[in-house]
Amino acid sequence: MSHEADSSGTVGQPAPDLALPDSSGGVFHLREHLTRGPVALFFFIHNGTPG
């Protein structure tokens, strides 16, 4: 596995607010959950994609 340096300048920066559909038909707003404490975000880049 390659561990290249992040060239986007986003490491250590606040995440932008996200508004995503949730499992109950509502909308998940990241900013609302950040007021409760730390949030862990996981991104599965290859989940459900060929390759």
PDB file of N, CA and C in Angstrom:
ATOM      1  N   MET A   1       0.848  -1.177   0.000  1.00  0.00           N
ATOM      2  CA  MET A   1       0.000   0.000   0.000  1.00  0.00           C
ATOM      3  C   MET A   1       0.888   1.231   0.000  1.00  0.00           C
ATOM      4  N   SER A   2       0.568   2.178  -0.830  1.00  0.00           N
ATOM      5  CA  SER A   2       1.338   3.404  -0.935  1.00  0.00           C
ATOM      6  C   SER A   2       0.823   4.439   0.056  1.00  0.00           C
ATOM      7  N   HIS A   3       1.733   5.141   0.708  1.00  0.00           N
ATOM      8  CA  HIS A   3       1.360   6.210   1.632  1.00  0.00           C
ATOM      9  C   HIS A   3       1.958   7.514   1.126  1.00  0.00           C
ATOM     10  N   GLU A   4       1.302   8.105   0.145  1.00  0.00           N
ATOM     11  CA  GLU A   4       1.805   9.345  -0.444  1.00  0.00           C
ATOM     12  C   GLU A   4       1.335  10.536   0.380  1.00  0.00           C
ATOM     13  N   ALA A   5       2.089  11.604   0.317  1.00  0.00           N
ATOM     14  CA  ALA A   5       1.730  12.837   1.028  1.00  0.00           C
ATOM     15  C   ALA A   5       0.462  13.424   0.418  1.00  0.00           C
ATOM     16  N   ASP A   6      -0.368  14.017   1.258  1.00  0.00           N
ATOM     17  CA  ASP A   6      -1.587  14.665   0.793  1.00  0.00           C
ATOM     18  C   ASP A   6      -1.224  16.002   0.161  1.00  0.00           C
ATOM     19  N   SER A   7      -1.518  16.148  -1.125  1.00  0.00           N
ATOM     20  CA  SER A   7      -1.190  17.394  -1.819  1.00  0.00           C
ATOM     21  C   SER A   7      -2.407  18.313  -1.945  1.00  0.00           C
ATOM     22  N   SER A   8      -3.562  17.881  -1.418  1.00  0.00           N
ATOM     23  CA  SER A   8      -4.772  18.692  -1.561  1.00  0.00           C
ATOM     24  C   SER A   8      -4.865  19.790  -0.507  1.00  0.00           C
ATOM     25  N   GLY A   9      -4.060  19.687   0.554  1.00  0.00           N
ATOM     26  CA  GLY A   9      -4.098  20.692   1.595  1.00  0.00           C
ATOM     27  C   GLY A   9      -5.278  20.554   2.534  1.00  0.00           C
ATOM     28  N   THR A  10      -5.932  19.379   2.568  1.00  0.00           N
ATOM     29  CA  THR A  10      -7.118  19.215   3.398  1.00  0.00           C
ATOM     30  C   THR A  10      -6.842  18.483   4.707  1.00  0.00           C
ATOM     31  N   VAL A  11      -5.712  17.859   4.860  1.00  0.00           N
ATOM     32  CA  VAL A  11      -5.410  17.147   6.094  1.00  0.00           C
ATOM     33  C   VAL A  11      -5.299  18.150   7.230  1.00  0.00           C
ATOM     34  N   GLY A  12      -6.011  17.902   8.310  1.00  0.00           N
ATOM     35  CA  GLY A  12      -5.987  18.796   9.455  1.00  0.00           C
ATOM     36  C   GLY A  12      -6.948  19.975   9.355  1.00  0.00           C
ATOM     37  N   GLN A  13      -7.651  20.089   8.229  1.00  0.00           N
ATOM     38  CA  GLN A  13      -8.617  21.173   8.046  1.00  0.00           C
ATOM     39  C   GLN A  13     -10.015  20.696   8.430  1.00  0.00           C
ATOM     40  N   PRO A  14     -10.895  21.599   8.869  1.00  0.00           N
ATOM     41  CA  PRO A  14     -12.261  21.200   9.183  1.00  0.00           C
ATOM     42  C   PRO A  14     -12.971  20.635   7.958  1.00  0.00           C
ATOM     43  N   ALA A  15     -13.787  19.624   8.179  1.00  0.00           N
ATOM     44  CA  ALA A  15     -14.563  19.043   7.075  1.00  0.00           C
ATOM     45  C   ALA A  15     -15.673  20.012   6.693  1.00  0.00           C
ATOM     46  N   PRO A  16     -16.017  20.055   5.416  1.00  0.00           N
ATOM     47  CA  PRO A  16     -17.154  20.896   5.012  1.00  0.00           C
ATOM     48  C   PRO A  16     -18.441  20.276   5.538  1.00  0.00           C
ATOM     49  N   ASP A  17     -19.483  21.081   5.668  1.00  0.00           N
ATOM     50  CA  ASP A  17     -20.758  20.527   6.104  1.00  0.00           C
ATOM     51  C   ASP A  17     -21.268  19.569   5.041  1.00  0.00           C
ATOM     52  N   LEU A  18     -21.742  18.427   5.475  1.00  0.00           N
ATOM     53  CA  LEU A  18     -22.310  17.440   4.569  1.00  0.00           C
ATOM     54  C   LEU A  18     -23.788  17.318   4.856  1.00  0.00           C
ATOM     55  N   ALA A  19     -24.582  17.194   3.827  1.00  0.00           N
ATOM     56  CA  ALA A  19     -26.009  16.929   3.963  1.00  0.00           C
ATOM     57  C   ALA A  19     -26.291  15.705   3.102  1.00  0.00           C
ATOM     58  N   LEU A  20     -26.549  14.572   3.773  1.00  0.00           N
ATOM     59  CA  LEU A  20     -26.734  13.307   3.078  1.00  0.00           C
ATOM     60  C   LEU A  20     -28.017  12.638   3.534  1.00  0.00           C
ATOM     61  N   PRO A  21     -28.665  11.861   2.646  1.00  0.00           N
ATOM     62  CA  PRO A  21     -29.864  11.141   3.082  1.00  0.00           C
ATOM     63  C   PRO A  21     -29.488  10.105   4.139  1.00  0.00           C
ATOM     64  N   ASP A  22     -30.343   9.975   5.168  1.00  0.00           N
ATOM     65  CA  ASP A  22     -30.086   8.959   6.181  1.00  0.00           C
ATOM     66  C   ASP A  22     -31.024   7.767   5.969  1.00  0.00           C
ATOM     67  N   SER A  23     -30.864   6.740   6.782  1.00  0.00           N
ATOM     68  CA  SER A  23     -31.606   5.493   6.588  1.00  0.00           C
ATOM     69  C   SER A  23     -33.094   5.615   6.941  1.00  0.00           C
ATOM     70  N   SER A  24     -33.501   6.688   7.610  1.00  0.00           N
ATOM     71  CA  SER A  24     -34.912   6.845   7.967  1.00  0.00           C
ATOM     72  C   SER A  24     -35.653   7.814   7.043  1.00  0.00           C
ATOM     73  N   GLY A  25     -35.004   8.223   5.955  1.00  0.00           N
ATOM     74  CA  GLY A  25     -35.635   9.131   5.003  1.00  0.00           C
ATOM     75  C   GLY A  25     -35.397  10.594   5.304  1.00  0.00           C
ATOM     76  N   GLY A  26     -34.670  10.887   6.378  1.00  0.00           N
ATOM     77  CA  GLY A  26     -34.340  12.264   6.719  1.00  0.00           C
ATOM     78  C   GLY A  26     -33.024  12.679   6.095  1.00  0.00           C
ATOM     79  N   VAL A  27     -32.471  13.746   6.603  1.00  0.00           N
ATOM     80  CA  VAL A  27     -31.194  14.254   6.106  1.00  0.00           C
ATOM     81  C   VAL A  27     -30.210  14.334   7.266  1.00  0.00           C
ATOM     82  N   PHE A  28     -29.030  13.799   7.067  1.00  0.00           N
ATOM     83  CA  PHE A  28     -27.941  13.859   8.033  1.00  0.00           C
ATOM     84  C   PHE A  28     -27.135  15.108   7.728  1.00  0.00           C
ATOM     85  N   HIS A  29     -27.013  16.009   8.714  1.00  0.00           N
ATOM     86  CA  HIS A  29     -26.194  17.207   8.572  1.00  0.00           C
ATOM     87  C   HIS A  29     -24.988  17.057   9.499  1.00  0.00           C
ATOM     88  N   LEU A  30     -23.799  17.061   8.937  1.00  0.00           N
ATOM     89  CA  LEU A  30     -22.588  16.888   9.722  1.00  0.00           C
ATOM     90  C   LEU A  30     -22.474  17.947  10.808  1.00  0.00           C
ATOM     91  N   ARG A  31     -22.792  19.195  10.513  1.00  0.00           N
ATOM     92  CA  ARG A  31     -22.630  20.278  11.489  1.00  0.00           C
ATOM     93  C   ARG A  31     -23.435  20.028  12.764  1.00  0.00           C
ATOM     94  N   GLU A  32     -24.590  19.371  12.641  1.00  0.00           N
ATOM     95  CA  GLU A  32     -25.409  19.078  13.819  1.00  0.00           C
ATOM     96  C   GLU A  32     -24.732  18.058  14.727  1.00  0.00           C
ATOM     97  N   HIS A  33     -24.044  17.108  14.151  1.00  0.00           N
ATOM     98  CA  HIS A  33     -23.396  16.053  14.937  1.00  0.00           C
ATOM     99  C   HIS A  33     -22.069  16.521  15.528  1.00  0.00           C
ATOM    100  N   LEU A  34     -21.429  17.474  14.893  1.00  0.00           N
ATOM    101  CA  LEU A  34     -20.162  17.990  15.411  1.00  0.00           C
ATOM    102  C   LEU A  34     -20.349  18.751  16.721  1.00  0.00           C
ATOM    103  N   THR A  35     -21.537  19.265  16.969  1.00  0.00           N
ATOM    104  CA  THR A  35     -21.783  19.972  18.230  1.00  0.00           C
ATOM    105  C   THR A  35     -21.840  19.013  19.410  1.00  0.00           C
ATOM    106  N   ARG A  36     -22.017  17.725  19.141  1.00  0.00           N
ATOM    107  CA  ARG A  36     -22.111  16.705  20.199  1.00  0.00           C
ATOM    108  C   ARG A  36     -20.754  16.130  20.575  1.00  0.00           C
ATOM    109  N   GLY A  37     -19.746  16.366  19.757  1.00  0.00           N
ATOM    110  CA  GLY A  37     -18.413  15.832  20.014  1.00  0.00           C
ATOM    111  C   GLY A  37     -17.771  15.355  18.727  1.00  0.00           C
ATOM    112  N   PRO A  38     -16.641  14.669  18.843  1.00  0.00           N
ATOM    113  CA  PRO A  38     -15.924  14.205  17.649  1.00  0.00           C
ATOM    114  C   PRO A  38     -16.767  13.242  16.808  1.00  0.00           C
ATOM    115  N   VAL A  39     -16.545  13.285  15.509  1.00  0.00           N
ATOM    116  CA  VAL A  39     -17.236  12.419  14.551  1.00  0.00           C
ATOM    117  C   VAL A  39     -16.185  11.728  13.707  1.00  0.00           C
ATOM    118  N   ALA A  40     -16.344  10.429  13.506  1.00  0.00           N
ATOM    119  CA  ALA A  40     -15.447   9.672  12.622  1.00  0.00           C
ATOM    120  C   ALA A  40     -16.156   9.460  11.289  1.00  0.00           C
ATOM    121  N   LEU A  41     -15.505   9.841  10.207  1.00  0.00           N
ATOM    122  CA  LEU A  41     -16.054   9.658   8.861  1.00  0.00           C
ATOM    123  C   LEU A  41     -15.270   8.560   8.164  1.00  0.00           C
ATOM    124  N   PHE A  42     -15.985   7.662   7.530  1.00  0.00           N
ATOM    125  CA  PHE A  42     -15.361   6.593   6.764  1.00  0.00           C
ATOM    126  C   PHE A  42     -15.844   6.700   5.327  1.00  0.00           C
ATOM    127  N   PHE A  43     -14.924   6.637   4.392  1.00  0.00           N
ATOM    128  CA  PHE A  43     -15.260   6.680   2.978  1.00  0.00           C
ATOM    129  C   PHE A  43     -14.773   5.393   2.340  1.00  0.00           C
ATOM    130  N   PHE A  44     -15.688   4.667   1.721  1.00  0.00           N
ATOM    131  CA  PHE A  44     -15.361   3.425   1.044  1.00  0.00           C
ATOM    132  C   PHE A  44     -15.345   3.706  -0.453  1.00  0.00           C
ATOM    133  N   ILE A  45     -14.203   4.066  -0.949  1.00  0.00           N
ATOM    134  CA  ILE A  45     -14.068   4.522  -2.338  1.00  0.00           C
ATOM    135  C   ILE A  45     -14.459   3.440  -3.338  1.00  0.00           C
ATOM    136  N   HIS A  46     -14.083   2.203  -3.085  1.00  0.00           N
ATOM    137  CA  HIS A  46     -14.330   1.137  -4.048  1.00  0.00           C
ATOM    138  C   HIS A  46     -15.593   0.339  -3.731  1.00  0.00           C
ATOM    139  N   ASN A  47     -16.347   0.731  -2.738  1.00  0.00           N
ATOM    140  CA  ASN A  47     -17.536  -0.011  -2.348  1.00  0.00           C
ATOM    141  C   ASN A  47     -18.589   0.066  -3.453  1.00  0.00           C
ATOM    142  N   GLY A  48     -18.946  -1.082  -4.010  1.00  0.00           N
ATOM    143  CA  GLY A  48     -19.978  -1.130  -5.027  1.00  0.00           C
ATOM    144  C   GLY A  48     -19.530  -0.693  -6.410  1.00  0.00           C
ATOM    145  N   THR A  49     -18.236  -0.539  -6.634  1.00  0.00           N
ATOM    146  CA  THR A  49     -17.734  -0.137  -7.946  1.00  0.00           C
ATOM    147  C   THR A  49     -16.868  -1.248  -8.513  1.00  0.00           C
ATOM    148  N   PRO A  50     -16.828  -1.405  -9.814  1.00  0.00           N
ATOM    149  CA  PRO A  50     -15.960  -2.433 -10.398  1.00  0.00           C
ATOM    150  C   PRO A  50     -14.485  -2.072 -10.224  1.00  0.00           C
ATOM    151  N   GLY A  51     -13.684  -3.073 -10.116  1.00  0.00           N
ATOM    152  CA  GLY A  51     -12.249  -2.805 -10.096  1.00  0.00           C
ATOM    153  C   GLY A  51     -11.603  -3.229  -8.865  1.00  0.00           C
TER     154      GLY A  51
END
